[in-house]
Amino acid sequence: MYIDSHCHFDFDVFDDQRDALMSRCLASGVGGFLVPATTQSSWSKLASLITYYPEWRAAYGLHPYFLGEAELAQVDLLGEQCDTDRVVAVGEIGLDCWPGAIDMAIQVDFFSRQLSVAKSLQLPVIVHSRKSYDLVLKCMKGVKFQHGGVVHAFNGSFEQAKRFLDLGFVLGIGGTITYPRAKKAHRVLAALDSQAFVLETDSPDMPLNGFQGQINTPLAIPIIAQCVAAIRAENVEQIAMQTCDNLLRVFPKWNEGSL
């Protein structure tokens, strides 16, 4: 079985096709889905959907990209929201240095507060980090966060990877590695220990090579696994088994409750 460790299956773009797509995913061997919320306004929809899809697990957080519509008071609600059934992490949270981003001091404040919520609940986190790995690590050190999680869409150096791995994190590997030009990502992936990564799609975003301009879905996971296997000179069955084991290790609450 494959697990998609990061897909936004709750997004509106899937509303008209979610049931049919779920059936296709299950038939293709993708049997688990971790769905991280991005805004406080999306929490209730995700909470409703996970009661309908037993294969889903949820995470709740305030994504740095959407902090312009967020308020610090929402962080106060995060702990209660995450202390519910089939919630395995706090996320998607982090820092993003995109052009025109909201002030980094505001991002750091929200991120540090959400790390503190995760720490208080002893939950791992799903980290969004774009051109901000060193600052993310500094924030984690500042709040003494030690519960690990996933660094989503990791695209850093091997040295940065090691720093996250030393903190109990695994790295999210997705569509980027399907592109022949992603040489650095290929080198880092080939050098990683087998316990260091999980598979993800970031659906509906991050389409694979050859699928540009299309809506990405968890059906891409087996293709990503094939690419990972080729880069690491391993068989795809090994990749499927090891990445599931890695995910269950870093998200120990996954198997709590009914499947």
Protein backbone atom coordinates (compact mmCIF):
# COMPACT_ATOMS: atom_id res chain seq x y z
CA MET A 1 0.00 0.00 0.00
CA TYR A 2 1.10 3.57 -0.71
CA ILE A 3 0.34 6.55 1.52
CA ASP A 4 0.17 10.10 0.19
CA SER A 5 1.71 12.03 3.07
CA HIS A 6 0.57 15.44 1.80
CA CYS A 7 -2.50 16.05 -0.35
CA HIS A 8 -5.12 18.79 -0.17
CA PHE A 9 -7.99 16.44 -0.96
CA ASP A 10 -10.32 18.82 0.87
CA PHE A 11 -9.88 21.62 -1.68
CA ASP A 12 -12.96 22.68 -3.62
CA VAL A 13 -11.45 21.55 -6.93
CA PHE A 14 -12.07 17.95 -5.84
CA ASP A 15 -15.68 18.41 -4.69
CA ASP A 16 -17.26 17.03 -7.87
CA GLN A 17 -14.87 14.11 -8.29
CA ARG A 18 -13.74 13.19 -4.78
CA ASP A 19 -15.65 9.91 -4.40
CA ALA A 20 -14.72 8.64 -7.86
CA LEU A 21 -11.11 9.69 -7.39
CA MET A 22 -10.94 7.97 -4.01
CA SER A 23 -12.13 4.74 -5.61
CA ARG A 24 -9.47 5.02 -8.33
CA CYS A 25 -6.78 5.71 -5.76
CA LEU A 26 -7.70 2.70 -3.66
CA ALA A 27 -7.76 0.52 -6.77
CA SER A 28 -4.26 1.74 -7.69
CA GLY A 29 -2.83 0.88 -4.28
CA VAL A 30 -2.91 4.33 -2.67
CA GLY A 31 -4.66 3.50 0.57
CA GLY A 32 -3.79 6.31 2.97
CA PHE A 33 -4.04 10.09 2.76
CA LEU A 34 -2.75 12.81 5.07
CA VAL A 35 -4.69 16.02 4.45
CA PRO A 36 -3.26 19.20 6.02
CA ALA A 37 -5.50 22.23 6.43
CA THR A 38 -4.16 25.63 5.45
CA THR A 39 -6.59 28.19 6.92
CA GLN A 40 -8.88 28.36 9.93
CA SER A 41 -11.87 28.70 7.61
CA SER A 42 -11.06 25.29 6.09
CA TRP A 43 -10.85 23.39 9.37
CA SER A 44 -14.55 22.56 9.65
CA LYS A 45 -14.77 21.17 6.10
CA LEU A 46 -11.78 18.89 6.68
CA ALA A 47 -13.18 17.79 10.04
CA SER A 48 -16.39 16.75 8.29
CA LEU A 49 -14.63 14.96 5.42
CA ILE A 50 -12.42 12.80 7.62
CA THR A 51 -15.51 11.32 9.23
CA TYR A 52 -16.61 10.18 5.76
CA TYR A 53 -13.28 8.84 4.49
CA PRO A 54 -11.72 6.38 6.95
CA GLU A 55 -8.51 6.30 4.90
CA TRP A 56 -7.83 9.97 5.65
CA ARG A 57 -5.86 11.51 8.49
CA ALA A 58 -5.90 15.23 9.19
CA ALA A 59 -3.58 17.98 10.30
CA TYR A 60 -4.65 21.52 11.14
CA GLY A 61 -2.63 24.68 10.87
CA LEU A 62 -2.26 28.18 9.45
CA HIS A 63 -0.20 28.12 6.24
CA PRO A 64 2.26 31.01 5.82
CA TYR A 65 0.91 31.81 2.36
CA PHE A 66 -2.52 32.68 3.79
CA LEU A 67 -1.50 34.59 6.91
CA GLY A 68 -2.85 37.81 5.42
CA GLU A 69 -6.32 36.57 6.35
CA ALA A 70 -5.28 35.05 9.68
CA GLU A 71 -5.41 36.42 13.22
CA LEU A 72 -3.31 35.38 16.19
CA ALA A 73 -6.52 34.50 18.03
CA GLN A 74 -6.90 31.59 15.61
CA VAL A 75 -3.76 30.02 17.05
CA ASP A 76 -5.55 29.86 20.38
CA LEU A 77 -8.18 27.61 18.73
CA LEU A 78 -5.59 25.33 17.14
CA GLY A 79 -4.88 23.18 20.17
CA GLU A 80 -8.53 22.24 20.66
CA GLN A 81 -8.94 21.58 16.93
CA CYS A 82 -5.94 19.23 16.89
CA ASP A 83 -7.00 17.35 19.99
CA THR A 84 -9.66 15.40 18.08
CA ASP A 85 -10.02 11.99 16.46
CA ARG A 86 -7.73 11.06 13.55
CA VAL A 87 -5.62 14.20 13.79
CA VAL A 88 -1.98 13.16 13.56
CA ALA A 89 -0.09 16.46 13.27
CA VAL A 90 -0.13 20.25 13.35
CA GLY A 91 0.21 21.65 9.84
CA GLU A 92 0.63 22.91 7.32
CA ILE A 93 2.75 25.54 9.02
CA GLY A 94 6.07 27.19 8.28
CA LEU A 95 7.86 30.03 6.55
CA ASP A 96 7.80 31.12 2.92
CA CYS A 97 10.15 33.66 1.32
CA TRP A 98 8.14 34.17 -1.86
CA PRO A 99 8.17 37.59 -3.59
CA GLY A 100 5.66 39.88 -1.95
CA ALA A 101 5.28 37.61 1.08
CA ILE A 102 3.76 38.85 4.28
CA ASP A 103 6.34 40.32 6.65
CA MET A 104 8.74 37.61 7.85
CA ALA A 105 8.47 38.75 11.46
CA ILE A 106 4.74 38.00 11.31
CA GLN A 107 5.41 34.61 9.73
CA VAL A 108 7.94 33.74 12.42
CA ASP A 109 5.51 34.76 15.15
CA PHE A 110 2.72 32.56 13.78
CA PHE A 111 5.10 29.66 13.12
CA SER A 112 6.66 29.77 16.58
CA ARG A 113 3.26 29.93 18.26
CA GLN A 114 2.01 26.95 16.25
CA LEU A 115 5.16 25.00 17.07
CA SER A 116 4.42 25.68 20.73
CA VAL A 117 0.88 24.31 20.29
CA ALA A 118 2.30 21.15 18.70
CA LYS A 119 4.84 20.86 21.50
CA SER A 120 2.14 21.14 24.15
CA LEU A 121 0.15 18.36 22.44
CA GLN A 122 3.27 16.29 21.74
CA LEU A 123 2.32 16.21 18.06
CA PRO A 124 4.63 16.24 15.03
CA VAL A 125 4.34 19.04 12.49
CA ILE A 126 4.04 19.34 8.72
CA VAL A 127 6.44 22.09 7.70
CA HIS A 128 6.18 24.31 4.64
CA SER A 129 9.56 25.89 3.97
CA ARG A 130 10.45 27.81 0.84
CA LYS A 131 13.94 29.36 0.79
CA SER A 132 13.77 29.39 4.60
CA TYR A 133 15.24 26.12 5.91
CA ASP A 134 17.81 27.73 8.18
CA LEU A 135 15.26 30.11 9.68
CA VAL A 136 12.79 27.23 10.18
CA LEU A 137 15.47 25.32 12.06
CA LYS A 138 16.23 28.42 14.16
CA CYS A 139 12.55 28.73 15.13
CA MET A 140 12.42 25.07 16.13
CA LYS A 141 15.48 25.52 18.30
CA GLY A 142 13.91 28.62 19.83
CA VAL A 143 10.85 26.75 21.09
CA LYS A 144 12.82 23.54 21.79
CA PHE A 145 10.57 21.57 19.46
CA GLN A 146 11.49 17.86 19.50
CA HIS A 147 8.50 15.97 18.11
CA GLY A 148 9.58 15.68 14.48
CA GLY A 149 7.30 15.52 11.48
CA VAL A 150 7.65 16.04 7.73
CA VAL A 151 9.46 18.76 5.84
CA HIS A 152 7.05 19.11 2.94
CA ALA A 153 8.45 19.28 -0.62
CA PHE A 154 12.04 19.25 0.59
CA ASN A 155 14.41 20.84 -1.93
CA GLY A 156 17.41 21.74 0.18
CA SER A 157 20.97 20.51 0.43
CA PHE A 158 22.09 17.23 1.94
CA GLU A 159 23.55 19.16 4.89
CA GLN A 160 20.18 20.83 5.54
CA ALA A 161 18.48 17.45 5.20
CA LYS A 162 20.75 16.03 7.89
CA ARG A 163 19.86 18.84 10.28
CA PHE A 164 16.15 18.04 9.94
CA LEU A 165 16.74 14.30 10.18
CA ASP A 166 18.67 14.84 13.41
CA LEU A 167 15.53 16.49 14.83
CA GLY A 168 13.37 13.45 14.02
CA PHE A 169 11.93 14.71 10.75
CA VAL A 170 11.51 12.92 7.46
CA LEU A 171 11.54 14.63 4.08
CA GLY A 172 8.55 14.84 1.74
CA ILE A 173 9.45 13.65 -1.78
CA GLY A 174 7.04 14.56 -4.56
CA GLY A 175 6.70 15.61 -8.16
CA THR A 176 9.93 17.61 -8.31
CA ILE A 177 12.03 14.45 -8.61
CA THR A 178 10.18 13.41 -11.78
CA TYR A 179 11.85 16.28 -13.67
CA PRO A 180 15.16 15.41 -15.36
CA ARG A 181 16.52 18.90 -14.63
CA ALA A 182 16.15 18.46 -10.85
CA LYS A 183 19.71 17.17 -10.51
CA LYS A 184 20.32 18.45 -6.97
CA ALA A 185 17.11 16.84 -5.71
CA HIS A 186 18.14 13.58 -7.37
CA ARG A 187 21.58 13.64 -5.74
CA VAL A 188 20.15 14.33 -2.29
CA LEU A 189 17.50 11.62 -2.65
CA ALA A 190 20.08 9.05 -3.77
CA ALA A 191 22.25 9.84 -0.74
CA LEU A 192 19.49 9.63 1.89
CA ASP A 193 19.06 6.75 4.28
CA SER A 194 16.01 4.62 3.50
CA GLN A 195 14.32 5.84 6.70
CA ALA A 196 14.64 9.49 5.75
CA PHE A 197 11.73 10.20 3.42
CA VAL A 198 8.04 9.74 2.60
CA LEU A 199 6.02 10.16 -0.61
CA GLU A 200 3.66 13.06 -1.29
CA THR A 201 1.81 14.81 -4.11
CA ASP A 202 0.69 18.20 -2.73
CA SER A 203 -2.46 17.68 -4.81
CA PRO A 204 -3.88 19.60 -6.60
CA ASP A 205 -0.52 21.38 -7.05
CA MET A 206 3.00 20.25 -8.04
CA PRO A 207 2.11 18.26 -11.18
CA LEU A 208 4.60 15.65 -12.37
CA ASN A 209 6.80 15.93 -15.41
CA GLY A 210 4.61 15.30 -18.44
CA PHE A 211 1.47 16.43 -16.60
CA GLN A 212 2.15 20.17 -16.46
CA GLY A 213 -1.01 22.27 -16.46
CA GLN A 214 -3.15 19.41 -15.13
CA ILE A 215 -4.70 19.00 -11.70
CA ASN A 216 -2.42 16.79 -9.64
CA THR A 217 -4.01 13.95 -7.63
CA PRO A 218 -2.85 11.15 -5.30
CA LEU A 219 -2.93 8.85 -8.34
CA ALA A 220 0.55 10.26 -8.99
CA ILE A 221 2.03 8.50 -5.95
CA PRO A 222 2.89 5.21 -7.75
CA ILE A 223 4.62 7.21 -10.52
CA ILE A 224 6.65 9.15 -7.94
CA ALA A 225 7.55 5.85 -6.29
CA GLN A 226 8.80 4.49 -9.60
CA CYS A 227 11.01 7.55 -10.05
CA VAL A 228 12.34 7.27 -6.50
CA ALA A 229 13.13 3.59 -7.08
CA ALA A 230 15.01 4.38 -10.29
CA ILE A 231 17.04 7.19 -8.69
CA ARG A 232 17.96 5.02 -5.69
CA ALA A 233 18.44 1.79 -7.69
CA GLU A 234 15.88 0.00 -5.51
CA ASN A 235 12.71 -1.85 -6.37
CA VAL A 236 9.40 -0.07 -6.07
CA GLU A 237 8.05 -2.59 -3.55
CA GLN A 238 10.86 -1.59 -1.20
CA ILE A 239 9.99 2.08 -1.65
CA ALA A 240 6.30 1.48 -0.94
CA MET A 241 6.99 -0.53 2.21
CA GLN A 242 9.72 1.67 3.60
CA THR A 243 7.92 4.98 3.04
CA CYS A 244 4.79 3.64 4.75
CA ASP A 245 6.91 2.49 7.68
CA ASN A 246 8.59 5.89 7.83
CA LEU A 247 5.27 7.71 7.87
CA LEU A 248 3.82 5.53 10.62
CA ARG A 249 6.97 6.05 12.67
CA VAL A 250 6.85 9.82 12.46
CA PHE A 251 3.05 10.02 12.91
CA PRO A 252 2.45 7.57 15.78
CA LYS A 253 -1.24 8.51 16.10
CA TRP A 254 -2.00 7.30 12.56
CA ASN A 255 -3.39 3.94 13.62
CA GLU A 256 -5.41 5.27 16.55
CA GLY A 257 -9.14 4.95 15.89
CA SER A 258 -10.86 2.90 13.23
CA LEU A 259 -9.57 2.49 9.69
